[in-house]
Protein backbone atom coordinates (compact mmCIF):
# COMPACT_ATOMS: atom_id res chain seq x y z
CA MET A 1 41.54 106.11 -140.20
CA ARG A 2 38.65 104.23 -141.79
CA PHE A 3 40.77 101.09 -141.79
CA ALA A 4 41.41 101.39 -138.02
CA ALA A 5 37.72 102.02 -137.31
CA THR A 6 36.75 99.01 -139.41
CA CYS A 7 39.27 96.81 -137.56
CA ILE A 8 37.95 97.94 -134.19
CA LEU A 9 34.37 97.33 -135.30
CA LEU A 10 35.22 93.83 -136.56
CA ALA A 11 37.07 93.05 -133.32
CA LEU A 12 34.04 94.10 -131.30
CA ILE A 13 31.65 92.05 -133.41
CA ALA A 14 33.92 88.98 -133.34
CA GLY A 15 34.32 89.25 -129.57
CA CYS A 16 30.58 89.30 -128.92
CA THR A 17 28.96 86.07 -127.86
CA MET A 18 25.37 85.04 -127.57
CA ARG A 19 23.74 86.12 -124.37
CA PRO A 20 23.12 83.07 -122.15
CA LYS A 21 19.63 82.21 -121.04
CA ALA A 22 18.89 83.70 -117.63
CA ALA A 23 18.77 81.18 -114.81
CA ARG A 24 15.42 80.82 -113.10
CA LEU A 25 15.25 80.29 -109.39
CA HIS A 26 13.57 77.03 -108.46
CA GLN A 27 11.92 76.27 -105.19
CA PRO A 28 9.88 73.38 -103.88
CA SER A 29 6.15 73.45 -104.44
CA PHE A 30 3.72 73.36 -101.54
CA SER A 31 2.29 70.02 -100.45
CA GLU A 32 0.31 68.76 -97.48
CA THR A 33 3.37 68.92 -95.24
CA GLY A 34 4.59 72.38 -96.30
CA GLN A 35 6.89 73.69 -99.01
CA ASP A 36 8.62 70.37 -99.63
CA SER A 37 7.15 69.11 -102.95
CA GLY A 38 5.76 66.14 -101.07
CA PHE A 39 9.17 64.77 -100.07
CA VAL A 40 9.17 64.21 -96.31
CA GLY A 41 12.57 62.53 -95.87
CA PHE A 42 14.11 59.09 -95.65
CA ASP A 43 13.15 56.20 -93.41
CA PHE A 44 15.70 54.10 -91.52
CA THR A 45 16.02 51.64 -94.42
CA GLY A 46 16.89 54.29 -97.01
CA ASN A 47 13.50 54.55 -98.69
CA ALA A 48 12.14 58.00 -99.49
CA VAL A 49 9.01 59.03 -97.61
CA ILE A 50 6.58 60.96 -99.84
CA THR A 51 3.05 62.33 -99.62
CA ALA A 52 0.05 61.44 -101.76
CA ARG A 53 0.65 64.50 -103.96
CA ALA A 54 4.23 63.45 -104.68
CA ARG A 55 2.95 59.96 -105.48
CA ALA A 56 0.39 61.42 -107.89
CA ARG A 57 3.10 63.50 -109.60
CA TYR A 58 5.36 60.42 -109.78
CA ASN A 59 2.60 58.33 -111.38
CA ALA A 60 1.81 61.12 -113.87
CA LEU A 61 5.48 61.15 -114.92
CA ILE A 62 5.42 57.36 -115.25
CA GLY A 63 2.38 57.65 -117.50
CA PHE A 64 4.34 59.93 -119.81
CA TYR A 65 7.95 58.70 -119.51
CA GLY A 66 7.72 55.19 -118.03
CA ALA A 67 8.29 53.50 -121.40
CA LYS A 68 11.59 55.36 -121.97
CA PHE A 69 13.51 53.18 -119.50
CA PRO A 70 15.33 50.06 -120.79
CA VAL A 71 12.86 48.06 -118.70
CA PRO A 72 9.60 50.06 -118.82
CA ILE A 73 8.03 50.90 -115.47
CA GLU A 74 4.36 51.09 -114.54
CA SER A 75 2.31 53.13 -112.12
CA ASP A 76 3.38 52.90 -108.44
CA TYR A 77 6.76 51.38 -109.33
CA GLY A 78 8.61 51.06 -106.01
CA VAL A 79 5.81 52.70 -104.01
CA THR A 80 4.41 51.20 -100.81
CA ARG A 81 1.68 52.65 -98.60
CA ASP A 82 3.31 53.56 -95.31
CA GLY A 83 1.05 55.21 -92.78
CA MET A 84 -0.42 58.49 -91.65
CA THR A 85 1.14 61.45 -89.91
CA ASN A 86 -0.85 64.54 -88.94
CA SER A 87 -3.73 63.16 -91.05
CA VAL A 88 -1.50 63.04 -94.16
CA GLN A 89 -1.18 59.72 -96.01
CA LEU A 90 2.48 58.79 -96.50
CA TYR A 91 4.14 56.39 -98.90
CA THR A 92 7.64 54.97 -99.21
CA LEU A 93 9.55 54.99 -102.48
CA THR A 94 12.51 52.67 -103.05
CA PRO A 95 15.91 54.18 -103.89
CA ASP A 96 15.58 52.88 -107.46
CA GLY A 97 12.15 54.48 -107.76
CA LEU A 98 13.58 57.75 -106.44
CA VAL A 99 16.34 57.68 -109.07
CA LYS A 100 13.74 57.09 -111.78
CA PHE A 101 11.57 59.90 -110.35
CA ARG A 102 14.55 62.26 -110.64
CA GLN A 103 15.35 61.12 -114.18
CA MET A 104 11.77 61.65 -115.32
CA ASN A 105 11.83 65.14 -113.79
CA ILE A 106 14.99 65.90 -115.78
CA TRP A 107 13.26 64.73 -118.96
CA ARG A 108 10.24 66.90 -118.09
CA VAL A 109 12.35 70.01 -117.47
CA ASN A 110 14.30 69.43 -120.69
CA LYS A 111 11.01 68.86 -122.55
CA ALA A 112 12.04 65.39 -123.72
CA PRO A 113 9.41 63.56 -125.72
CA GLY A 114 7.49 60.89 -123.87
CA GLY A 115 6.86 57.33 -124.91
CA ALA A 116 9.36 54.75 -126.04
CA GLU A 117 11.54 57.03 -128.21
CA ARG A 118 15.15 57.49 -127.21
């Protein structure tokens, strides 16, 4: 009887796995134009249209992670001043700049070290 109980106990322990980390819900932060994280949309040429707050966040990420790219990038990489809408300053960001913005956000979420390390 003790042997059977021990086998059952070992089977239960061996079958247990580590509990996965609970997923957190993510939602866009508020910006001048609403809950959109400063991303307004795309223009007719394929550039992203962003607000000044998104540009500031982009430049802060460049300051921390810009040297990690094979060809380091500097502040305002791919950013052009666009115009105003509803008294909000807008900027365009090239597709390459948008890809780099996304990559730097991934590094930030994964707590990757900044600088030139790889």
